[in-house]
PDB file of N, CA and C in Angstrom:
ATOM      1  N   MET A   1     -21.240  -3.290   7.049  1.00  0.00           N
ATOM      2  CA  MET A   1     -19.855  -3.289   7.506  1.00  0.00           C
ATOM      3  C   MET A   1     -19.176  -2.021   6.995  1.00  0.00           C
ATOM      4  N   GLU A   2     -18.468  -1.327   7.881  1.00  0.00           N
ATOM      5  CA  GLU A   2     -17.794  -0.086   7.526  1.00  0.00           C
ATOM      6  C   GLU A   2     -16.592  -0.334   6.622  1.00  0.00           C
ATOM      7  N   LYS A   3     -16.446   0.553   5.653  1.00  0.00           N
ATOM      8  CA  LYS A   3     -15.293   0.499   4.759  1.00  0.00           C
ATOM      9  C   LYS A   3     -14.086   1.143   5.452  1.00  0.00           C
ATOM     10  N   VAL A   4     -12.923   0.569   5.253  1.00  0.00           N
ATOM     11  CA  VAL A   4     -11.686   1.035   5.861  1.00  0.00           C
ATOM     12  C   VAL A   4     -10.640   1.200   4.771  1.00  0.00           C
ATOM     13  N   ASP A   5      -9.842   2.262   4.857  1.00  0.00           N
ATOM     14  CA  ASP A   5      -8.669   2.409   3.997  1.00  0.00           C
ATOM     15  C   ASP A   5      -7.439   2.106   4.842  1.00  0.00           C
ATOM     16  N   ILE A   6      -6.609   1.202   4.357  1.00  0.00           N
ATOM     17  CA  ILE A   6      -5.364   0.836   5.027  1.00  0.00           C
ATOM     18  C   ILE A   6      -4.229   1.480   4.244  1.00  0.00           C
ATOM     19  N   LEU A   7      -3.345   2.188   4.939  1.00  0.00           N
ATOM     20  CA  LEU A   7      -2.260   2.922   4.308  1.00  0.00           C
ATOM     21  C   LEU A   7      -0.939   2.211   4.562  1.00  0.00           C
ATOM     22  N   LEU A   8      -0.197   1.983   3.484  1.00  0.00           N
ATOM     23  CA  LEU A   8       1.097   1.317   3.599  1.00  0.00           C
ATOM     24  C   LEU A   8       2.111   2.071   2.744  1.00  0.00           C
ATOM     25  N   ALA A   9       3.085   2.676   3.392  1.00  0.00           N
ATOM     26  CA  ALA A   9       4.163   3.371   2.694  1.00  0.00           C
ATOM     27  C   ALA A   9       5.345   2.414   2.591  1.00  0.00           C
ATOM     28  N   THR A  10       5.933   2.325   1.403  1.00  0.00           N
ATOM     29  CA  THR A  10       7.042   1.390   1.210  1.00  0.00           C
ATOM     30  C   THR A  10       8.259   2.099   0.628  1.00  0.00           C
ATOM     31  N   TYR A  11       9.409   1.511   0.906  1.00  0.00           N
ATOM     32  CA  TYR A  11      10.662   1.921   0.287  1.00  0.00           C
ATOM     33  C   TYR A  11      11.663   0.788   0.467  1.00  0.00           C
ATOM     34  N   ASN A  12      12.062   0.191  -0.634  1.00  0.00           N
ATOM     35  CA  ASN A  12      13.030  -0.911  -0.622  1.00  0.00           C
ATOM     36  C   ASN A  12      12.701  -1.960   0.436  1.00  0.00           C
ATOM     37  N   GLY A  13      11.459  -2.438   0.401  1.00  0.00           N
ATOM     38  CA  GLY A  13      10.999  -3.395   1.396  1.00  0.00           C
ATOM     39  C   GLY A  13      10.729  -4.780   0.849  1.00  0.00           C
ATOM     40  N   VAL A  14      11.401  -5.153  -0.231  1.00  0.00           N
ATOM     41  CA  VAL A  14      11.095  -6.427  -0.877  1.00  0.00           C
ATOM     42  C   VAL A  14      11.219  -7.614   0.077  1.00  0.00           C
ATOM     43  N   LYS A  15      12.085  -7.514   1.064  1.00  0.00           N
ATOM     44  CA  LYS A  15      12.314  -8.631   1.987  1.00  0.00           C
ATOM     45  C   LYS A  15      11.058  -8.984   2.789  1.00  0.00           C
ATOM     46  N   TYR A  16      10.226  -7.985   3.109  1.00  0.00           N
ATOM     47  CA  TYR A  16       9.066  -8.214   3.975  1.00  0.00           C
ATOM     48  C   TYR A  16       7.716  -7.854   3.357  1.00  0.00           C
ATOM     49  N   ILE A  17       7.707  -7.297   2.157  1.00  0.00           N
ATOM     50  CA  ILE A  17       6.462  -6.752   1.616  1.00  0.00           C
ATOM     51  C   ILE A  17       5.398  -7.828   1.389  1.00  0.00           C
ATOM     52  N   ARG A  18       5.788  -8.998   0.930  1.00  0.00           N
ATOM     53  CA  ARG A  18       4.800 -10.077   0.738  1.00  0.00           C
ATOM     54  C   ARG A  18       4.133 -10.453   2.059  1.00  0.00           C
ATOM     55  N   GLU A  19       4.932 -10.612   3.104  1.00  0.00           N
ATOM     56  CA  GLU A  19       4.406 -10.971   4.411  1.00  0.00           C
ATOM     57  C   GLU A  19       3.448  -9.894   4.926  1.00  0.00           C
ATOM     58  N   GLN A  20       3.802  -8.629   4.733  1.00  0.00           N
ATOM     59  CA  GLN A  20       2.940  -7.529   5.182  1.00  0.00           C
ATOM     60  C   GLN A  20       1.609  -7.547   4.436  1.00  0.00           C
ATOM     61  N   ILE A  21       1.658  -7.632   3.119  1.00  0.00           N
ATOM     62  CA  ILE A  21       0.428  -7.603   2.326  1.00  0.00           C
ATOM     63  C   ILE A  21      -0.423  -8.834   2.605  1.00  0.00           C
ATOM     64  N   ASP A  22       0.190 -10.005   2.668  1.00  0.00           N
ATOM     65  CA  ASP A  22      -0.569 -11.224   2.961  1.00  0.00           C
ATOM     66  C   ASP A  22      -1.276 -11.119   4.307  1.00  0.00           C
ATOM     67  N   SER A  23      -0.608 -10.550   5.295  1.00  0.00           N
ATOM     68  CA  SER A  23      -1.218 -10.388   6.610  1.00  0.00           C
ATOM     69  C   SER A  23      -2.457  -9.492   6.530  1.00  0.00           C
ATOM     70  N   ILE A  24      -2.378  -8.419   5.786  1.00  0.00           N
ATOM     71  CA  ILE A  24      -3.517  -7.513   5.624  1.00  0.00           C
ATOM     72  C   ILE A  24      -4.645  -8.207   4.877  1.00  0.00           C
ATOM     73  N   LEU A  25      -4.327  -8.900   3.804  1.00  0.00           N
ATOM     74  CA  LEU A  25      -5.353  -9.562   2.991  1.00  0.00           C
ATOM     75  C   LEU A  25      -6.048 -10.695   3.733  1.00  0.00           C
ATOM     76  N   ASN A  26      -5.403 -11.257   4.734  1.00  0.00           N
ATOM     77  CA  ASN A  26      -5.967 -12.382   5.465  1.00  0.00           C
ATOM     78  C   ASN A  26      -6.745 -11.979   6.717  1.00  0.00           C
ATOM     79  N   GLN A  27      -6.992 -10.707   6.905  1.00  0.00           N
ATOM     80  CA  GLN A  27      -7.788 -10.256   8.039  1.00  0.00           C
ATOM     81  C   GLN A  27      -9.252 -10.666   7.853  1.00  0.00           C
ATOM     82  N   THR A  28      -9.992 -10.726   8.943  1.00  0.00           N
ATOM     83  CA  THR A  28     -11.403 -11.118   8.853  1.00  0.00           C
ATOM     84  C   THR A  28     -12.274  -9.995   8.297  1.00  0.00           C
ATOM     85  N   HIS A  29     -11.893  -8.754   8.502  1.00  0.00           N
ATOM     86  CA  HIS A  29     -12.623  -7.616   7.928  1.00  0.00           C
ATOM     87  C   HIS A  29     -12.207  -7.492   6.465  1.00  0.00           C
ATOM     88  N   ILE A  30     -13.160  -7.634   5.551  1.00  0.00           N
ATOM     89  CA  ILE A  30     -12.801  -7.667   4.125  1.00  0.00           C
ATOM     90  C   ILE A  30     -13.198  -6.405   3.363  1.00  0.00           C
ATOM     91  N   GLU A  31     -13.925  -5.497   4.022  1.00  0.00           N
ATOM     92  CA  GLU A  31     -14.354  -4.261   3.361  1.00  0.00           C
ATOM     93  C   GLU A  31     -13.289  -3.178   3.532  1.00  0.00           C
ATOM     94  N   PHE A  32     -12.239  -3.280   2.733  1.00  0.00           N
ATOM     95  CA  PHE A  32     -11.162  -2.297   2.826  1.00  0.00           C
ATOM     96  C   PHE A  32     -10.522  -2.076   1.468  1.00  0.00           C
ATOM     97  N   ARG A  33      -9.818  -0.965   1.386  1.00  0.00           N
ATOM     98  CA  ARG A  33      -8.895  -0.701   0.279  1.00  0.00           C
ATOM     99  C   ARG A  33      -7.512  -0.625   0.900  1.00  0.00           C
ATOM    100  N   LEU A  34      -6.561  -1.240   0.256  1.00  0.00           N
ATOM    101  CA  LEU A  34      -5.166  -1.159   0.682  1.00  0.00           C
ATOM    102  C   LEU A  34      -4.470  -0.178  -0.250  1.00  0.00           C
ATOM    103  N   LEU A  35      -4.129   0.986   0.288  1.00  0.00           N
ATOM    104  CA  LEU A  35      -3.461   2.022  -0.485  1.00  0.00           C
ATOM    105  C   LEU A  35      -1.972   1.964  -0.179  1.00  0.00           C
ATOM    106  N   ILE A  36      -1.183   1.719  -1.212  1.00  0.00           N
ATOM    107  CA  ILE A  36       0.260   1.573  -1.035  1.00  0.00           C
ATOM    108  C   ILE A  36       0.971   2.632  -1.869  1.00  0.00           C
ATOM    109  N   SER A  37       1.848   3.383  -1.218  1.00  0.00           N
ATOM    110  CA  SER A  37       2.669   4.358  -1.921  1.00  0.00           C
ATOM    111  C   SER A  37       4.122   3.918  -1.825  1.00  0.00           C
ATOM    112  N   ASP A  38       4.715   3.632  -2.978  1.00  0.00           N
ATOM    113  CA  ASP A  38       6.123   3.245  -3.006  1.00  0.00           C
ATOM    114  C   ASP A  38       6.960   4.489  -3.278  1.00  0.00           C
ATOM    115  N   ASP A  39       7.958   4.698  -2.459  1.00  0.00           N
ATOM    116  CA  ASP A  39       8.747   5.926  -2.472  1.00  0.00           C
ATOM    117  C   ASP A  39      10.039   5.782  -3.284  1.00  0.00           C
ATOM    118  N   GLY A  40       9.924   5.158  -4.457  1.00  0.00           N
ATOM    119  CA  GLY A  40      11.079   5.058  -5.352  1.00  0.00           C
ATOM    120  C   GLY A  40      11.973   3.859  -5.092  1.00  0.00           C
ATOM    121  N   SER A  41      11.398   2.741  -4.704  1.00  0.00           N
ATOM    122  CA  SER A  41      12.189   1.533  -4.431  1.00  0.00           C
ATOM    123  C   SER A  41      12.987   1.095  -5.645  1.00  0.00           C
ATOM    124  N   THR A  42      14.152   0.506  -5.367  1.00  0.00           N
ATOM    125  CA  THR A  42      15.032   0.000  -6.429  1.00  0.00           C
ATOM    126  C   THR A  42      15.405  -1.466  -6.216  1.00  0.00           C
ATOM    127  N   ASP A  43      14.721  -2.141  -5.281  1.00  0.00           N
ATOM    128  CA  ASP A  43      15.118  -3.493  -4.894  1.00  0.00           C
ATOM    129  C   ASP A  43      14.144  -4.593  -5.306  1.00  0.00           C
ATOM    130  N   GLY A  44      13.175  -4.297  -6.160  1.00  0.00           N
ATOM    131  CA  GLY A  44      12.202  -5.302  -6.567  1.00  0.00           C
ATOM    132  C   GLY A  44      10.857  -5.141  -5.888  1.00  0.00           C
ATOM    133  N   THR A  45      10.739  -4.209  -4.959  1.00  0.00           N
ATOM    134  CA  THR A  45       9.472  -3.971  -4.271  1.00  0.00           C
ATOM    135  C   THR A  45       8.359  -3.639  -5.255  1.00  0.00           C
ATOM    136  N   ARG A  46       8.654  -2.804  -6.227  1.00  0.00           N
ATOM    137  CA  ARG A  46       7.635  -2.362  -7.191  1.00  0.00           C
ATOM    138  C   ARG A  46       7.064  -3.538  -7.987  1.00  0.00           C
ATOM    139  N   GLU A  47       7.897  -4.468  -8.349  1.00  0.00           N
ATOM    140  CA  GLU A  47       7.432  -5.634  -9.094  1.00  0.00           C
ATOM    141  C   GLU A  47       6.472  -6.469  -8.248  1.00  0.00           C
ATOM    142  N   VAL A  48       6.800  -6.637  -6.974  1.00  0.00           N
ATOM    143  CA  VAL A  48       5.930  -7.384  -6.062  1.00  0.00           C
ATOM    144  C   VAL A  48       4.599  -6.654  -5.906  1.00  0.00           C
ATOM    145  N   LEU A  49       4.634  -5.344  -5.753  1.00  0.00           N
ATOM    146  CA  LEU A  49       3.410  -4.559  -5.601  1.00  0.00           C
ATOM    147  C   LEU A  49       2.513  -4.696  -6.826  1.00  0.00           C
ATOM    148  N   ASN A  50       3.090  -4.618  -7.999  1.00  0.00           N
ATOM    149  CA  ASN A  50       2.306  -4.775  -9.234  1.00  0.00           C
ATOM    150  C   ASN A  50       1.658  -6.150  -9.304  1.00  0.00           C
ATOM    151  N   GLU A  51       2.381  -7.159  -8.885  1.00  0.00           N
ATOM    152  CA  GLU A  51       1.850  -8.529  -8.862  1.00  0.00           C
ATOM    153  C   GLU A  51       0.610  -8.620  -7.967  1.00  0.00           C
ATOM    154  N   TYR A  52       0.691  -8.058  -6.772  1.00  0.00           N
ATOM    155  CA  TYR A  52      -0.439  -8.094  -5.842  1.00  0.00           C
ATOM    156  C   TYR A  52      -1.613  -7.271  -6.350  1.00  0.00           C
ATOM    157  N   GLN A  53      -1.334  -6.135  -6.959  1.00  0.00           N
ATOM    158  CA  GLN A  53      -2.413  -5.289  -7.464  1.00  0.00           C
ATOM    159  C   GLN A  53      -3.216  -6.015  -8.536  1.00  0.00           C
ATOM    160  N   GLN A  54      -2.560  -6.822  -9.336  1.00  0.00           N
ATOM    161  CA  GLN A  54      -3.258  -7.578 -10.378  1.00  0.00           C
ATOM    162  C   GLN A  54      -4.092  -8.711  -9.798  1.00  0.00           C
ATOM    163  N   LYS A  55      -3.725  -9.207  -8.609  1.00  0.00           N
ATOM    164  CA  LYS A  55      -4.447 -10.320  -7.980  1.00  0.00           C
ATOM    165  C   LYS A  55      -5.652  -9.884  -7.163  1.00  0.00           C
ATOM    166  N   ASP A  56      -5.666  -8.643  -6.660  1.00  0.00           N
ATOM    167  CA  ASP A  56      -6.717  -8.216  -5.729  1.00  0.00           C
ATOM    168  C   ASP A  56      -7.110  -6.776  -6.036  1.00  0.00           C
ATOM    169  N   ASN A  57      -8.368  -6.576  -6.398  1.00  0.00           N
ATOM    170  CA  ASN A  57      -8.800  -5.237  -6.798  1.00  0.00           C
ATOM    171  C   ASN A  57      -8.987  -4.283  -5.620  1.00  0.00           C
ATOM    172  N   ARG A  58      -8.791  -4.744  -4.398  1.00  0.00           N
ATOM    173  CA  ARG A  58      -8.832  -3.853  -3.236  1.00  0.00           C
ATOM    174  C   ARG A  58      -7.523  -3.094  -3.061  1.00  0.00           C
ATOM    175  N   ILE A  59      -6.503  -3.483  -3.819  1.00  0.00           N
ATOM    176  CA  ILE A  59      -5.178  -2.881  -3.692  1.00  0.00           C
ATOM    177  C   ILE A  59      -5.005  -1.793  -4.744  1.00  0.00           C
ATOM    178  N   LYS A  60      -4.599  -0.606  -4.284  1.00  0.00           N
ATOM    179  CA  LYS A  60      -4.318   0.521  -5.170  1.00  0.00           C
ATOM    180  C   LYS A  60      -2.884   0.966  -4.903  1.00  0.00           C
ATOM    181  N   ILE A  61      -2.068   0.960  -5.970  1.00  0.00           N
ATOM    182  CA  ILE A  61      -0.648   1.281  -5.850  1.00  0.00           C
ATOM    183  C   ILE A  61      -0.366   2.668  -6.431  1.00  0.00           C
ATOM    184  N   PHE A  62       0.469   3.414  -5.742  1.00  0.00           N
ATOM    185  CA  PHE A  62       0.963   4.697  -6.232  1.00  0.00           C
ATOM    186  C   PHE A  62       2.488   4.615  -6.251  1.00  0.00           C
ATOM    187  N   MET A  63       3.081   4.866  -7.397  1.00  0.00           N
ATOM    188  CA  MET A  63       4.536   4.816  -7.539  1.00  0.00           C
ATOM    189  C   MET A  63       5.066   6.243  -7.609  1.00  0.00           C
ATOM    190  N   GLN A  64       5.835   6.633  -6.607  1.00  0.00           N
ATOM    191  CA  GLN A  64       6.417   7.976  -6.599  1.00  0.00           C
ATOM    192  C   GLN A  64       7.620   8.011  -7.544  1.00  0.00           C
ATOM    193  N   GLU A  65       7.717   9.082  -8.302  1.00  0.00           N
ATOM    194  CA  GLU A  65       8.822   9.239  -9.261  1.00  0.00           C
ATOM    195  C   GLU A  65      10.129   9.614  -8.571  1.00  0.00           C
ATOM    196  N   SER A  66      10.021  10.372  -7.481  1.00  0.00           N
ATOM    197  CA  SER A  66      11.210  10.730  -6.725  1.00  0.00           C
ATOM    198  C   SER A  66      10.941  10.436  -5.251  1.00  0.00           C
ATOM    199  N   ASN A  67      11.999  10.292  -4.497  1.00  0.00           N
ATOM    200  CA  ASN A  67      11.880   9.927  -3.093  1.00  0.00           C
ATOM    201  C   ASN A  67      11.331  11.109  -2.299  1.00  0.00           C
ATOM    202  N   LEU A  68      10.157  10.913  -1.696  1.00  0.00           N
ATOM    203  CA  LEU A  68       9.504  11.955  -0.904  1.00  0.00           C
ATOM    204  C   LEU A  68       9.991  11.969   0.539  1.00  0.00           C
ATOM    205  N   GLY A  69      10.445  10.839   1.013  1.00  0.00           N
ATOM    206  CA  GLY A  69      10.771  10.684   2.428  1.00  0.00           C
ATOM    207  C   GLY A  69       9.555  10.112   3.141  1.00  0.00           C
ATOM    208  N   VAL A  70       9.769   9.540   4.303  1.00  0.00           N
ATOM    209  CA  VAL A  70       8.716   8.804   4.994  1.00  0.00           C
ATOM    210  C   VAL A  70       7.522   9.688   5.354  1.00  0.00           C
ATOM    211  N   VAL A  71       7.741  10.885   5.842  1.00  0.00           N
ATOM    212  CA  VAL A  71       6.640  11.741   6.272  1.00  0.00           C
ATOM    213  C   VAL A  71       5.786  12.161   5.083  1.00  0.00           C
ATOM    214  N   LYS A  72       6.403  12.660   4.038  1.00  0.00           N
ATOM    215  CA  LYS A  72       5.649  13.109   2.859  1.00  0.00           C
ATOM    216  C   LYS A  72       4.983  11.940   2.152  1.00  0.00           C
ATOM    217  N   ASN A  73       5.584  10.759   2.207  1.00  0.00           N
ATOM    218  CA  ASN A  73       4.978   9.589   1.590  1.00  0.00           C
ATOM    219  C   ASN A  73       3.664   9.234   2.314  1.00  0.00           C
ATOM    220  N   PHE A  74       3.667   9.277   3.650  1.00  0.00           N
ATOM    221  CA  PHE A  74       2.433   9.035   4.401  1.00  0.00           C
ATOM    222  C   PHE A  74       1.424  10.173   4.194  1.00  0.00           C
ATOM    223  N   GLU A  75       1.903  11.406   4.124  1.00  0.00           N
ATOM    224  CA  GLU A  75       0.999  12.530   3.855  1.00  0.00           C
ATOM    225  C   GLU A  75       0.313  12.351   2.497  1.00  0.00           C
ATOM    226  N   PHE A  76       1.056  11.865   1.513  1.00  0.00           N
ATOM    227  CA  PHE A  76       0.485  11.590   0.199  1.00  0.00           C
ATOM    228  C   PHE A  76      -0.671  10.593   0.339  1.00  0.00           C
ATOM    229  N   LEU A  77      -0.447   9.516   1.097  1.00  0.00           N
ATOM    230  CA  LEU A  77      -1.485   8.503   1.286  1.00  0.00           C
ATOM    231  C   LEU A  77      -2.697   9.065   2.015  1.00  0.00           C
ATOM    232  N   LEU A  78      -2.464   9.909   2.993  1.00  0.00           N
ATOM    233  CA  LEU A  78      -3.583  10.496   3.737  1.00  0.00           C
ATOM    234  C   LEU A  78      -4.510  11.288   2.817  1.00  0.00           C
ATOM    235  N   LYS A  79      -3.956  11.902   1.788  1.00  0.00           N
ATOM    236  CA  LYS A  79      -4.769  12.657   0.828  1.00  0.00           C
ATOM    237  C   LYS A  79      -5.610  11.754  -0.057  1.00  0.00           C
ATOM    238  N   LYS A  80      -5.316  10.467  -0.100  1.00  0.00           N
ATOM    239  CA  LYS A  80      -6.042   9.501  -0.940  1.00  0.00           C
ATOM    240  C   LYS A  80      -7.157   8.800  -0.184  1.00  0.00           C
ATOM    241  N   VAL A  81      -7.263   9.022   1.122  1.00  0.00           N
ATOM    242  CA  VAL A  81      -8.269   8.356   1.953  1.00  0.00           C
ATOM    243  C   VAL A  81      -9.669   8.790   1.533  1.00  0.00           C
ATOM    244  N   GLU A  82     -10.554   7.800   1.363  1.00  0.00           N
ATOM    245  CA  GLU A  82     -11.963   8.047   1.064  1.00  0.00           C
ATOM    246  C   GLU A  82     -12.893   7.466   2.127  1.00  0.00           C
ATOM    247  N   ALA A  83     -12.404   6.509   2.886  1.00  0.00           N
ATOM    248  CA  ALA A  83     -13.228   5.831   3.897  1.00  0.00           C
ATOM    249  C   ALA A  83     -13.317   6.669   5.168  1.00  0.00           C
ATOM    250  N   ASN A  84     -14.310   6.356   6.001  1.00  0.00           N
ATOM    251  CA  ASN A  84     -14.446   7.034   7.283  1.00  0.00           C
ATOM    252  C   ASN A  84     -13.356   6.621   8.270  1.00  0.00           C
ATOM    253  N   TYR A  85     -12.821   5.433   8.078  1.00  0.00           N
ATOM    254  CA  TYR A  85     -11.786   4.915   8.974  1.00  0.00           C
ATOM    255  C   TYR A  85     -10.548   4.578   8.171  1.00  0.00           C
ATOM    256  N   TYR A  86      -9.402   4.865   8.749  1.00  0.00           N
ATOM    257  CA  TYR A  86      -8.145   4.527   8.069  1.00  0.00           C
ATOM    258  C   TYR A  86      -7.092   4.230   9.108  1.00  0.00           C
TER     259      TYR A  86
END
């Protein structure tokens, strides 16, 4: 089974982040890494991300110190891709 990297950029998304991550974790394809870059959230998103990272070793979190903006945040994640598919 091919390994896949899933990229998720976040910013102040506490309202929906659990639903998004749960949906990804419940897919039938299990050979993946979930790479999440948080762009300086201040609403509790980071706490939720840390909780999920401790529960599932397929999740890798990157916490940005300053707000990169949506484009640079995704570009950051693209540089972390190791799988053939993302």
